[in-house]
Amino acid sequence: MSAILRMKKAELTASDIEHMSGVVSYVKRHRARGTDFDAEHSRWRYS
């Protein structure tokens, strides 16, 4: 993904764009799910 982000827009292939779209969908889906715990008071917040 990071290699695709460094490319110029004109250099992107249809496969690159499809991959980026899949990653964006994955992130949106998982962020919408939220967390199952109280992240505000988690021990891991400060790690």
C-alpha atoms as a PDB file:
ATOM      1  CA  MET A   1       0.000   0.000   0.000  1.00  0.00           C
ATOM      2  CA  SER A   2       2.767   2.457   0.860  1.00  0.00           C
ATOM      3  CA  ALA A   3       4.419   1.866  -2.527  1.00  0.00           C
ATOM      4  CA  ILE A   4       1.123   2.670  -4.252  1.00  0.00           C
ATOM      5  CA  LEU A   5       0.744   5.881  -2.251  1.00  0.00           C
ATOM      6  CA  ARG A   6       4.179   7.070  -3.403  1.00  0.00           C
ATOM      7  CA  MET A   7       3.235   6.654  -7.076  1.00  0.00           C
ATOM      8  CA  LYS A   8       2.014   9.505  -9.226  1.00  0.00           C
ATOM      9  CA  LYS A   9      -1.649   9.350 -10.156  1.00  0.00           C
ATOM     10  CA  ALA A  10      -0.827   8.818 -13.838  1.00  0.00           C
ATOM     11  CA  GLU A  11       1.302   5.762 -12.962  1.00  0.00           C
ATOM     12  CA  LEU A  12      -1.483   3.895 -11.155  1.00  0.00           C
ATOM     13  CA  THR A  13      -2.882   0.785 -12.783  1.00  0.00           C
ATOM     14  CA  ALA A  14      -6.447  -0.501 -12.479  1.00  0.00           C
ATOM     15  CA  SER A  15      -5.104  -3.162 -10.114  1.00  0.00           C
ATOM     16  CA  ASP A  16      -3.505  -0.488  -7.882  1.00  0.00           C
ATOM     17  CA  ILE A  17      -6.768   1.447  -7.688  1.00  0.00           C
ATOM     18  CA  GLU A  18      -8.727  -1.725  -6.909  1.00  0.00           C
ATOM     19  CA  HIS A  19      -6.277  -2.582  -4.115  1.00  0.00           C
ATOM     20  CA  MET A  20      -6.522   0.909  -2.602  1.00  0.00           C
ATOM     21  CA  SER A  21     -10.315   0.713  -2.721  1.00  0.00           C
ATOM     22  CA  GLY A  22     -10.221  -2.605  -0.872  1.00  0.00           C
ATOM     23  CA  VAL A  23      -7.977  -1.190   1.835  1.00  0.00           C
ATOM     24  CA  VAL A  24     -10.214   1.863   2.287  1.00  0.00           C
ATOM     25  CA  SER A  25     -13.276  -0.387   2.574  1.00  0.00           C
ATOM     26  CA  TYR A  26     -11.514  -2.582   5.145  1.00  0.00           C
ATOM     27  CA  VAL A  27     -10.534   0.403   7.299  1.00  0.00           C
ATOM     28  CA  LYS A  28     -14.022   1.977   7.097  1.00  0.00           C
ATOM     29  CA  ARG A  29     -15.678  -1.313   8.043  1.00  0.00           C
ATOM     30  CA  HIS A  30     -13.412  -1.923  11.033  1.00  0.00           C
ATOM     31  CA  ARG A  31     -13.547   1.656  12.303  1.00  0.00           C
ATOM     32  CA  ALA A  32     -17.347   1.615  12.153  1.00  0.00           C
ATOM     33  CA  ARG A  33     -17.370  -1.495  14.332  1.00  0.00           C
ATOM     34  CA  GLY A  34     -15.880   0.448  17.201  1.00  0.00           C
ATOM     35  CA  THR A  35     -14.172  -1.060  20.218  1.00  0.00           C
ATOM     36  CA  ASP A  36     -15.401  -3.700  22.626  1.00  0.00           C
ATOM     37  CA  PHE A  37     -13.736  -2.053  25.614  1.00  0.00           C
ATOM     38  CA  ASP A  38     -13.338   1.321  27.234  1.00  0.00           C
ATOM     39  CA  ALA A  39     -10.289   2.619  25.360  1.00  0.00           C
ATOM     40  CA  GLU A  40     -10.297   5.822  27.426  1.00  0.00           C
ATOM     41  CA  HIS A  41      -9.299   3.959  30.583  1.00  0.00           C
ATOM     42  CA  SER A  42      -7.348   1.071  29.062  1.00  0.00           C
ATOM     43  CA  ARG A  43      -3.833   0.257  30.259  1.00  0.00           C
ATOM     44  CA  TRP A  44      -2.827   0.074  26.592  1.00  0.00           C
ATOM     45  CA  ARG A  45      -3.783   3.703  25.975  1.00  0.00           C
ATOM     46  CA  TYR A  46      -0.417   4.892  27.267  1.00  0.00           C
ATOM     47  CA  SER A  47       1.797   2.197  25.754  1.00  0.00           C
END
